[in-house]
């Protein structure tokens, strides 16, 4: 009897242990992990960051693109176009990283093109992911992970918008400290309405963009959390 109890405890522990294969199979685990990696390694979202002698940001962005495509995207012509977008975006980022510093004009053109493609990519991704999340009828771990992923995608989307705006108007923002213009940091402090004040918009269009991000961030959280609570209450009643 004692041996049977010990065997039962061991079996339960094995079941609770994280299975790497199962973790990687889950599409939302892959997407959320890739976004967290991008969040950690790219505070400025600067592809040409040479502090690490390795194109780490382009490669992490590629992982994010692959993870995004795995999340039940509709197959067909649209899906193939999405794959092409992902390949072009990665190729541009890699090319930008390896271009010599003397090719300033070409780098600017490629950065602008990469930003435009990335903006389209993120718009489609956020739309499809949000639509799928709000169509679910039961709260699961994937629902929560998908919601967090969509929220992070909104932050990165706005960081790319700011990057494109700076390329058009270098004086669009003012950095009030000695720090560099960290776009991801600024985007997420705006999204969460935290606002440290170390980076501030300078101009009408920049102000409109930052206000829009703050509003959308709060609306997404409010609506998504309300949706989760509603589904949970319905599930409890049905149970």
Protein backbone atom coordinates (compact mmCIF):
# COMPACT_ATOMS: atom_id res chain seq x y z
CA UNK A 1 0.00 0.00 0.00
CA UNK A 2 2.84 2.36 0.89
CA UNK A 3 4.63 1.57 -2.39
CA UNK A 4 1.43 2.21 -4.34
CA UNK A 5 1.04 5.61 -2.66
CA UNK A 6 4.66 6.54 -3.46
CA UNK A 7 4.20 5.45 -7.06
CA UNK A 8 1.06 7.61 -7.27
CA UNK A 9 2.93 10.64 -5.93
CA UNK A 10 5.76 10.10 -8.44
CA UNK A 11 3.27 9.80 -11.30
CA UNK A 12 1.54 13.04 -10.26
CA UNK A 13 4.90 14.83 -10.08
CA UNK A 14 5.78 13.61 -13.57
CA UNK A 15 2.45 14.85 -14.92
CA UNK A 16 3.02 18.29 -13.41
CA UNK A 17 6.59 18.49 -14.70
CA UNK A 18 6.99 20.75 -17.74
CA UNK A 19 7.27 18.69 -20.93
CA UNK A 20 9.44 20.64 -23.42
CA UNK A 21 7.89 18.83 -26.39
CA UNK A 22 4.35 19.67 -25.30
CA UNK A 23 5.41 23.25 -24.54
CA UNK A 24 6.80 23.75 -28.06
CA UNK A 25 3.77 22.14 -29.70
CA UNK A 26 1.47 24.74 -28.18
CA UNK A 27 1.23 27.64 -30.64
CA UNK A 28 0.47 30.24 -27.97
CA UNK A 29 3.47 29.14 -25.86
CA UNK A 30 5.68 29.66 -28.90
CA UNK A 31 4.23 33.07 -29.71
CA UNK A 32 4.29 34.39 -26.14
CA UNK A 33 7.86 33.17 -25.54
CA UNK A 34 9.07 34.79 -28.78
CA UNK A 35 7.42 38.11 -27.88
CA UNK A 36 8.94 38.08 -24.39
CA UNK A 37 12.38 37.45 -25.94
CA UNK A 38 11.87 40.38 -28.31
CA UNK A 39 10.72 42.55 -25.40
CA UNK A 40 13.85 41.73 -23.38
CA UNK A 41 16.43 42.09 -26.16
CA UNK A 42 15.09 45.07 -28.09
CA UNK A 43 14.35 48.11 -25.88
CA UNK A 44 15.16 50.34 -28.84
CA UNK A 45 14.02 47.94 -31.61
CA UNK A 46 17.24 48.90 -33.37
CA UNK A 47 18.15 46.22 -35.90
CA UNK A 48 21.64 47.69 -36.40
CA UNK A 49 22.57 47.40 -32.72
CA UNK A 50 26.25 46.41 -32.90
CA UNK A 51 26.80 46.15 -29.12
CA UNK A 52 26.39 42.40 -29.65
CA UNK A 53 28.41 41.24 -32.63
CA UNK A 54 25.55 39.10 -33.88
CA UNK A 55 22.24 39.89 -35.67
CA UNK A 56 20.20 38.84 -32.64
CA UNK A 57 17.25 41.21 -33.22
CA UNK A 58 16.60 40.11 -36.83
CA UNK A 59 16.70 36.48 -35.70
CA UNK A 60 14.32 37.06 -32.78
CA UNK A 61 11.99 38.96 -35.11
CA UNK A 62 12.08 35.92 -37.43
CA UNK A 63 11.10 33.68 -34.50
CA UNK A 64 8.20 36.04 -33.77
CA UNK A 65 7.11 35.95 -37.42
CA UNK A 66 7.15 32.14 -37.46
CA UNK A 67 5.25 32.02 -34.15
CA UNK A 68 2.64 34.44 -35.49
CA UNK A 69 2.09 32.33 -38.63
CA UNK A 70 1.56 29.23 -36.48
CA UNK A 71 -1.46 30.75 -34.71
CA UNK A 72 -4.22 29.28 -36.89
CA UNK A 73 -3.94 31.67 -39.81
CA UNK A 74 -6.39 30.98 -42.62
CA UNK A 75 -4.75 29.01 -45.42
CA UNK A 76 -4.93 29.95 -49.09
CA UNK A 77 -3.63 32.91 -51.09
CA UNK A 78 -3.80 35.17 -48.05
CA UNK A 79 -1.62 32.78 -46.07
CA UNK A 80 1.00 32.58 -48.82
CA UNK A 81 1.07 36.38 -49.07
CA UNK A 82 1.64 36.48 -45.31
CA UNK A 83 4.58 34.08 -45.66
CA UNK A 84 6.09 36.31 -48.35
CA UNK A 85 5.67 39.37 -46.09
CA UNK A 86 7.46 37.53 -43.26
CA UNK A 87 10.34 36.47 -45.53
CA UNK A 88 10.77 39.99 -46.97
CA UNK A 89 10.68 41.55 -43.50
CA UNK A 90 13.36 39.21 -42.18
CA UNK A 91 15.54 39.66 -45.29
CA UNK A 92 15.34 43.46 -45.01
CA UNK A 93 16.28 43.39 -41.31
CA UNK A 94 19.22 41.12 -42.02
CA UNK A 95 20.36 43.33 -44.91
CA UNK A 96 20.06 46.47 -42.73
CA UNK A 97 22.23 44.83 -40.06
CA UNK A 98 25.04 43.88 -42.45
CA UNK A 99 25.09 47.08 -44.50
CA UNK A 100 28.23 49.16 -43.94
CA UNK A 101 27.82 52.38 -41.95
CA UNK A 102 28.73 54.42 -45.04
CA UNK A 103 25.49 53.44 -46.83
CA UNK A 104 23.36 55.89 -44.85
CA UNK A 105 20.75 56.70 -47.51
CA UNK A 106 20.22 53.08 -48.49
CA UNK A 107 19.87 52.13 -44.82
CA UNK A 108 17.19 54.81 -44.35
CA UNK A 109 15.22 53.55 -47.37
CA UNK A 110 15.41 49.93 -46.24
CA UNK A 111 14.40 50.88 -42.68
CA UNK A 112 11.34 52.75 -43.97
CA UNK A 113 10.37 49.83 -46.23
CA UNK A 114 10.88 47.34 -43.40
CA UNK A 115 8.76 49.48 -41.05
CA UNK A 116 5.89 49.71 -43.56
CA UNK A 117 5.88 45.94 -44.15
CA UNK A 118 6.07 45.28 -40.40
CA UNK A 119 3.16 47.66 -39.75
CA UNK A 120 0.98 45.79 -42.25
CA UNK A 121 2.09 42.47 -40.76
CA UNK A 122 1.22 43.54 -37.20
CA UNK A 123 -2.15 45.05 -38.18
CA UNK A 124 -3.24 41.77 -39.80
CA UNK A 125 -1.83 39.70 -36.93
CA UNK A 126 -3.51 41.73 -34.16
CA UNK A 127 -6.82 41.70 -36.04
CA UNK A 128 -6.87 37.93 -36.65
CA UNK A 129 -5.63 37.06 -33.15
CA UNK A 130 -8.11 39.40 -31.44
CA UNK A 131 -11.00 38.11 -33.56
CA UNK A 132 -10.18 34.52 -32.61
CA UNK A 133 -9.86 35.40 -28.93
CA UNK A 134 -13.21 37.16 -28.78
CA UNK A 135 -14.95 34.25 -30.51
CA UNK A 136 -13.98 31.65 -27.91
CA UNK A 137 -16.73 30.30 -25.66
CA UNK A 138 -14.58 28.93 -22.84
CA UNK A 139 -11.72 30.42 -20.83
CA UNK A 140 -8.55 28.36 -21.22
CA UNK A 141 -4.84 28.90 -20.64
CA UNK A 142 -4.50 29.51 -24.38
CA UNK A 143 -7.12 32.26 -24.21
CA UNK A 144 -5.11 34.08 -21.55
CA UNK A 145 -1.78 33.55 -23.33
CA UNK A 146 -3.33 34.71 -26.60
CA UNK A 147 -4.63 37.87 -24.91
CA UNK A 148 -1.22 38.66 -23.44
CA UNK A 149 0.37 38.06 -26.86
CA UNK A 150 -2.10 40.41 -28.55
CA UNK A 151 -1.37 43.08 -25.93
CA UNK A 152 2.40 42.75 -26.49
CA UNK A 153 1.87 42.87 -30.26
CA UNK A 154 0.03 46.18 -29.87
CA UNK A 155 3.05 47.59 -28.00
CA UNK A 156 5.50 46.44 -30.69
CA UNK A 157 3.19 47.70 -33.45
CA UNK A 158 3.23 51.21 -31.97
CA UNK A 159 7.01 51.05 -31.48
CA UNK A 160 7.35 50.45 -35.23
CA UNK A 161 4.94 53.33 -35.93
CA UNK A 162 7.13 55.60 -33.81
CA UNK A 163 10.21 54.35 -35.65
CA UNK A 164 8.65 55.25 -38.99
CA UNK A 165 7.59 58.65 -37.67
CA UNK A 166 11.15 59.39 -36.50
CA UNK A 167 12.45 58.47 -39.95
CA UNK A 168 10.06 61.03 -41.46
CA UNK A 169 10.50 63.64 -38.71
CA UNK A 170 13.65 63.20 -36.56
CA UNK A 171 12.32 65.84 -34.11
CA UNK A 172 9.01 64.07 -33.49
CA UNK A 173 10.09 63.16 -29.95
CA UNK A 174 12.27 64.76 -27.31
CA UNK A 175 14.47 62.65 -25.03
CA UNK A 176 14.69 64.54 -21.74
CA UNK A 177 17.55 62.43 -20.36
CA UNK A 178 20.92 61.27 -21.67
CA UNK A 179 19.41 57.95 -22.69
CA UNK A 180 18.90 56.79 -26.26
CA UNK A 181 15.48 56.84 -27.90
CA UNK A 182 14.23 53.44 -26.69
CA UNK A 183 11.13 52.90 -28.81
CA UNK A 184 9.88 49.69 -27.19
CA UNK A 185 10.33 51.20 -23.72
CA UNK A 186 8.45 54.35 -24.76
CA UNK A 187 5.69 52.37 -26.48
CA UNK A 188 4.95 50.16 -23.48
CA UNK A 189 5.09 52.99 -20.94
CA UNK A 190 2.56 54.77 -23.16
CA UNK A 191 0.44 51.64 -23.68
CA UNK A 192 0.19 51.10 -19.92
CA UNK A 193 -0.29 54.88 -19.34
CA UNK A 194 2.73 54.79 -17.01
CA UNK A 195 4.58 57.64 -18.74
CA UNK A 196 7.94 58.23 -17.06
CA UNK A 197 8.39 61.49 -18.94
CA UNK A 198 11.90 60.63 -20.13
CA UNK A 199 10.61 60.68 -23.73
CA UNK A 200 7.85 63.08 -24.79
CA UNK A 201 6.08 63.72 -28.11
CA UNK A 202 7.04 66.91 -29.90
CA UNK A 203 4.37 67.82 -32.40
CA UNK A 204 0.71 67.18 -33.15
CA UNK A 205 1.03 63.90 -35.01
CA UNK A 206 3.32 62.38 -32.38
CA UNK A 207 0.87 63.49 -29.67
CA UNK A 208 -2.07 61.94 -31.55
CA UNK A 209 -0.19 58.64 -31.92
CA UNK A 210 0.75 58.45 -28.24
CA UNK A 211 -2.79 59.35 -27.11
CA UNK A 212 -4.25 56.74 -29.46
CA UNK A 213 -1.93 54.05 -28.09
CA UNK A 214 -2.85 54.86 -24.48
CA UNK A 215 -6.59 54.74 -25.29
CA UNK A 216 -6.35 51.49 -27.28
CA UNK A 217 -4.24 49.87 -24.55
CA UNK A 218 -6.83 50.64 -21.89
CA UNK A 219 -9.75 49.63 -24.10
CA UNK A 220 -8.13 46.31 -24.97
CA UNK A 221 -7.47 45.47 -21.33
CA UNK A 222 -10.95 46.51 -20.22
CA UNK A 223 -12.78 44.64 -22.97
CA UNK A 224 -10.59 41.53 -22.83
CA UNK A 225 -10.78 41.20 -19.04
CA UNK A 226 -14.55 41.78 -19.13
CA UNK A 227 -14.81 39.07 -21.79
CA UNK A 228 -12.79 36.62 -19.68
CA UNK A 229 -14.89 37.31 -16.58
CA UNK A 230 -18.11 36.91 -18.58
CA UNK A 231 -17.00 33.57 -20.03
CA UNK A 232 -15.88 32.37 -16.60
CA UNK A 233 -19.27 33.24 -15.04
CA UNK A 234 -21.12 31.46 -17.87
CA UNK A 235 -18.87 28.40 -17.44
CA UNK A 236 -19.54 28.36 -13.68
CA UNK A 237 -23.30 28.53 -14.25
CA UNK A 238 -23.21 25.72 -16.81
CA UNK A 239 -21.11 23.59 -14.45
